[in-house]
Amino acid sequence: MPTNEYGQPIGEPIPDWSPRPRPIGTPVIGRHCRVERLHPARHLDQLWAVVADDEPSAWTYMFYGPFESKAAFQGWLEAACAQSDPYYYAIVDLATSTVKGFASYLRIEPNAGVIEVGSIYFSRALRRSVAATEAMYLMMRHAIEDMGYRRYEWKCDSLNAPSRRAAERLGFVFEGIFRQAVVYKGRNRDTAWFSIVDREWPEVKRALEHWLDPGNFNVDGSQKTPLADLRTHSEKNL
């Protein structure tokens, strides 16, 4: 560990560091989906079709929703897309060319190289699909490799068990609970924090790309090797 001239331990130097760029909506394309800047005029009708078909419980752990009408959803969508942080992306299914969900980059800190993924909404058709995992992989890769962020975060209500499982499945490291961190929808939220840092990304990427490879799926679409097993194998070989 390096020390300064006073003999005190200090962090590792980061030579030639410069602030990272902010997202500009560059589309990122995979085999199953495309992640592109969310635009109300372009995506409203398709998104409302899947949102209107969903159950209210899909919004329990979101800061917004459920939406009682298309007008209410449109109002939220237009306000959300007018912001630069969070910065929203549509998740477009390539097989049907329709929007099946959205996600955002948020708490964007270019000076520190820290960015979070959140406000994730997967429609019924997108949940537990290959495209859902691919969308998260594409957003990770874009943030870490294309934009050069050094810390990629995931946060959720500590009681949101599906979100916590998803973070761990994707390769995020659990960092702890921030108690009484947020008040939303008239209730307390203890926030669970997860992250991937740049030195961990190569192994996370390797496991995700192995899982997403067409050779990892049977003819009926079922997976041959679960992502958790691939991550465990990669970690054992570090």
Protein backbone atom coordinates (compact mmCIF):
# COMPACT_ATOMS: atom_id res chain seq x y z
CA MET A 1 0.00 0.00 0.00
CA PRO A 2 1.47 3.42 -0.90
CA THR A 3 2.18 6.00 1.75
CA ASN A 4 2.64 9.75 1.62
CA GLU A 5 5.58 11.80 2.87
CA TYR A 6 4.15 11.59 6.40
CA GLY A 7 4.10 7.79 6.41
CA GLN A 8 0.31 7.66 6.17
CA PRO A 9 -1.32 5.01 3.98
CA ILE A 10 -3.05 6.47 0.90
CA GLY A 11 -5.00 5.11 -2.03
CA GLU A 12 -3.42 3.69 -5.17
CA PRO A 13 -2.58 6.40 -7.71
CA ILE A 14 -4.71 6.69 -10.84
CA PRO A 15 -2.39 8.13 -13.46
CA ASP A 16 -3.75 10.41 -16.18
CA TRP A 17 -7.27 10.32 -14.76
CA SER A 18 -9.82 12.62 -16.36
CA PRO A 19 -13.59 12.97 -15.85
CA ARG A 20 -15.66 10.46 -17.76
CA PRO A 21 -18.17 11.57 -20.41
CA ARG A 22 -21.86 11.72 -19.67
CA PRO A 23 -24.19 9.38 -21.58
CA ILE A 24 -25.32 10.75 -24.94
CA GLY A 25 -27.82 8.06 -25.91
CA THR A 26 -25.56 5.99 -28.16
CA PRO A 27 -27.52 2.86 -29.18
CA VAL A 28 -25.99 -0.43 -28.08
CA ILE A 29 -27.04 -3.53 -30.00
CA GLY A 30 -26.93 -7.19 -29.02
CA ARG A 31 -28.33 -10.41 -30.49
CA HIS A 32 -31.72 -10.12 -28.80
CA CYS A 33 -32.23 -6.46 -27.97
CA ARG A 34 -31.17 -2.90 -28.64
CA VAL A 35 -30.74 -0.33 -25.90
CA GLU A 36 -31.41 3.19 -27.18
CA ARG A 37 -32.30 6.62 -25.83
CA LEU A 38 -35.89 6.66 -24.56
CA HIS A 39 -38.08 9.14 -26.46
CA PRO A 40 -41.72 9.76 -25.49
CA ALA A 41 -42.87 10.47 -29.05
CA ARG A 42 -41.24 7.32 -30.41
CA HIS A 43 -41.81 4.86 -27.57
CA LEU A 44 -44.94 5.95 -25.68
CA ASP A 45 -47.53 3.81 -27.46
CA GLN A 46 -45.53 0.58 -27.35
CA LEU A 47 -44.51 1.09 -23.74
CA TRP A 48 -48.02 1.92 -22.62
CA ALA A 49 -49.28 -1.28 -24.25
CA VAL A 50 -47.04 -3.39 -21.99
CA VAL A 51 -47.42 -1.17 -18.91
CA ALA A 52 -51.22 -1.25 -19.14
CA ASP A 53 -51.10 -5.05 -19.34
CA ASP A 54 -48.98 -5.38 -16.21
CA GLU A 55 -49.97 -5.98 -12.61
CA PRO A 56 -49.73 -3.11 -10.07
CA SER A 57 -47.24 -5.12 -8.03
CA ALA A 58 -44.64 -4.51 -10.75
CA TRP A 59 -44.26 -0.97 -9.36
CA THR A 60 -44.10 -1.71 -5.62
CA TYR A 61 -40.40 -0.95 -5.30
CA MET A 62 -40.26 1.83 -7.92
CA PHE A 63 -40.37 5.51 -6.96
CA TYR A 64 -43.27 5.97 -9.41
CA GLY A 65 -46.25 3.99 -10.70
CA PRO A 66 -48.54 2.23 -11.08
CA PHE A 67 -50.20 4.43 -13.69
CA GLU A 68 -53.98 4.69 -13.88
CA SER A 69 -54.13 6.00 -17.45
CA LYS A 70 -52.09 6.52 -20.57
CA ALA A 71 -52.15 10.28 -19.90
CA ALA A 72 -50.64 9.75 -16.45
CA PHE A 73 -47.93 7.51 -17.88
CA GLN A 74 -47.22 9.98 -20.67
CA GLY A 75 -46.81 12.79 -18.15
CA TRP A 76 -44.32 10.77 -16.16
CA LEU A 77 -42.47 9.63 -19.29
CA GLU A 78 -42.09 13.13 -20.69
CA ALA A 79 -40.83 14.50 -17.38
CA ALA A 80 -38.42 11.58 -16.94
CA CYS A 81 -36.95 11.92 -20.42
CA ALA A 82 -36.44 15.66 -19.99
CA GLN A 83 -33.81 14.94 -17.31
CA SER A 84 -30.14 14.24 -17.87
CA ASP A 85 -29.87 12.29 -14.59
CA PRO A 86 -31.52 9.78 -14.56
CA TYR A 87 -30.81 9.24 -18.27
CA TYR A 88 -33.36 6.78 -19.64
CA TYR A 89 -32.97 4.09 -22.28
CA ALA A 90 -35.59 1.97 -24.04
CA ILE A 91 -35.06 -1.78 -24.32
CA VAL A 92 -36.17 -2.83 -27.81
CA ASP A 93 -36.79 -6.48 -28.68
CA LEU A 94 -35.05 -7.11 -32.01
CA ALA A 95 -37.34 -9.98 -33.01
CA THR A 96 -40.44 -7.77 -32.94
CA SER A 97 -38.90 -4.27 -33.10
CA THR A 98 -41.03 -3.29 -30.11
CA VAL A 99 -40.14 -1.72 -26.77
CA LYS A 100 -40.38 -4.19 -23.89
CA GLY A 101 -38.96 -2.13 -21.04
CA PHE A 102 -36.63 0.64 -19.96
CA ALA A 103 -33.72 1.37 -17.63
CA SER A 104 -31.56 4.34 -16.78
CA TYR A 105 -28.13 5.51 -15.82
CA LEU A 106 -28.38 7.69 -12.73
CA ARG A 107 -26.36 9.28 -9.94
CA ILE A 108 -23.84 9.97 -12.68
CA GLU A 109 -20.55 11.28 -11.28
CA PRO A 110 -18.09 11.88 -14.13
CA ASN A 111 -15.36 13.28 -11.86
CA ALA A 112 -15.29 10.11 -9.78
CA GLY A 113 -16.05 7.73 -12.63
CA VAL A 114 -19.13 6.36 -10.85
CA ILE A 115 -22.45 5.56 -12.51
CA GLU A 116 -25.51 3.59 -11.37
CA VAL A 117 -28.02 1.52 -13.29
CA GLY A 118 -31.57 1.77 -11.99
CA SER A 119 -35.23 2.61 -12.58
CA ILE A 120 -35.39 -0.73 -14.36
CA TYR A 121 -38.75 -1.81 -15.72
CA PHE A 122 -39.12 -5.13 -17.52
CA SER A 123 -42.49 -5.98 -19.04
CA ARG A 124 -44.05 -9.42 -18.60
CA ALA A 125 -42.49 -10.53 -21.89
CA LEU A 126 -39.03 -9.31 -20.91
CA ARG A 127 -38.80 -10.69 -17.38
CA ARG A 128 -36.56 -13.73 -16.97
CA SER A 129 -35.67 -13.62 -20.66
CA VAL A 130 -32.31 -13.75 -22.42
CA ALA A 131 -32.97 -10.23 -23.71
CA ALA A 132 -33.32 -8.92 -20.15
CA THR A 133 -29.89 -10.24 -19.18
CA GLU A 134 -28.43 -9.00 -22.44
CA ALA A 135 -29.81 -5.50 -21.88
CA MET A 136 -28.09 -5.31 -18.50
CA TYR A 137 -24.87 -6.62 -20.02
CA LEU A 138 -25.00 -4.05 -22.83
CA MET A 139 -25.49 -1.19 -20.37
CA MET A 140 -22.62 -2.45 -18.18
CA ARG A 141 -20.28 -2.78 -21.13
CA HIS A 142 -21.17 0.63 -22.51
CA ALA A 143 -20.57 2.33 -19.16
CA ILE A 144 -17.32 0.57 -18.29
CA GLU A 145 -15.68 0.04 -21.68
CA ASP A 146 -17.06 2.77 -23.94
CA MET A 147 -17.36 5.57 -21.39
CA GLY A 148 -14.61 4.44 -19.02
CA TYR A 149 -16.47 4.46 -15.70
CA ARG A 150 -14.58 2.70 -12.92
CA ARG A 151 -17.51 1.87 -10.61
CA TYR A 152 -20.91 0.60 -11.71
CA GLU A 153 -23.60 0.57 -9.03
CA TRP A 154 -26.92 -1.15 -8.37
CA LYS A 155 -29.15 -0.12 -5.46
CA CYS A 156 -32.57 -1.29 -4.37
CA ASP A 157 -34.96 -1.51 -1.45
CA SER A 158 -33.40 -4.05 0.90
CA LEU A 159 -36.78 -5.86 0.98
CA ASN A 160 -36.82 -6.25 -2.83
CA ALA A 161 -35.62 -9.84 -2.97
CA PRO A 162 -35.93 -10.26 -6.77
CA SER A 163 -33.77 -7.17 -7.38
CA ARG A 164 -31.14 -8.35 -4.92
CA ARG A 165 -31.04 -11.78 -6.56
CA ALA A 166 -30.73 -10.18 -9.99
CA ALA A 167 -27.79 -8.02 -8.90
CA GLU A 168 -25.91 -11.00 -7.48
CA ARG A 169 -26.70 -13.16 -10.51
CA LEU A 170 -25.29 -10.48 -12.83
CA GLY A 171 -22.05 -10.31 -10.88
CA PHE A 172 -22.53 -7.32 -8.59
CA VAL A 173 -20.86 -7.46 -5.17
CA PHE A 174 -23.07 -6.76 -2.15
CA GLU A 175 -21.64 -3.91 -0.09
CA GLY A 176 -24.15 -3.50 2.73
CA ILE A 177 -27.34 -1.78 3.83
CA PHE A 178 -27.81 1.98 4.22
CA ARG A 179 -30.45 2.14 6.97
CA GLN A 180 -33.34 4.63 6.64
CA ALA A 181 -31.76 5.95 3.46
CA VAL A 182 -34.92 6.99 1.59
CA VAL A 183 -38.56 7.86 2.13
CA TYR A 184 -40.75 6.95 -0.84
CA LYS A 185 -44.43 6.30 -1.32
CA GLY A 186 -44.90 7.27 2.32
CA ARG A 187 -42.66 4.53 3.71
CA ASN A 188 -39.09 3.90 4.75
CA ARG A 189 -36.48 2.32 2.52
CA ASP A 190 -33.33 0.69 3.78
CA THR A 191 -31.15 0.57 0.67
CA ALA A 192 -29.05 -2.41 -0.39
CA TRP A 193 -25.88 -1.37 -2.24
CA PHE A 194 -24.10 -3.44 -4.88
CA SER A 195 -21.28 -2.63 -7.30
CA ILE A 196 -18.95 -3.86 -10.00
CA VAL A 197 -15.58 -2.10 -10.24
CA ASP A 198 -13.43 -1.97 -13.33
CA ARG A 199 -10.89 -4.57 -12.15
CA GLU A 200 -13.76 -7.08 -11.70
CA TRP A 201 -15.30 -6.39 -15.08
CA PRO A 202 -13.21 -8.83 -17.19
CA GLU A 203 -14.42 -11.84 -15.21
CA VAL A 204 -18.00 -10.56 -15.01
CA LYS A 205 -17.94 -9.93 -18.76
CA ARG A 206 -16.51 -13.38 -19.50
CA ALA A 207 -19.28 -15.12 -17.55
CA LEU A 208 -22.04 -13.01 -19.11
CA GLU A 209 -20.77 -13.51 -22.65
CA HIS A 210 -20.42 -17.26 -22.09
CA TRP A 211 -23.99 -17.42 -20.79
CA LEU A 212 -25.34 -15.27 -23.64
CA ASP A 213 -23.57 -17.33 -26.31
CA PRO A 214 -26.08 -19.24 -28.50
CA GLY A 215 -24.20 -22.43 -27.71
CA ASN A 216 -25.34 -22.18 -24.09
CA PHE A 217 -28.98 -22.78 -25.05
CA ASN A 218 -30.85 -25.89 -26.07
CA VAL A 219 -33.14 -25.96 -29.10
CA ASP A 220 -36.12 -25.27 -26.82
CA GLY A 221 -34.45 -22.09 -25.54
CA SER A 222 -33.55 -23.47 -22.11
CA GLN A 223 -30.11 -22.69 -20.71
CA LYS A 224 -27.44 -25.36 -20.48
CA THR A 225 -25.35 -23.71 -17.76
CA PRO A 226 -26.77 -21.14 -15.31
CA LEU A 227 -25.02 -17.79 -15.10
CA ALA A 228 -24.28 -18.29 -11.39
CA ASP A 229 -22.35 -21.48 -12.22
CA LEU A 230 -20.33 -19.68 -14.88
CA ARG A 231 -19.43 -16.91 -12.46
CA THR A 232 -18.38 -19.43 -9.81
CA HIS A 233 -16.18 -21.20 -12.33
CA SER A 234 -14.55 -17.92 -13.37
CA GLU A 235 -13.91 -16.91 -9.75
CA LYS A 236 -12.27 -20.26 -8.97
CA ASN A 237 -9.89 -19.76 -11.87
CA LEU A 238 -8.74 -16.26 -10.87
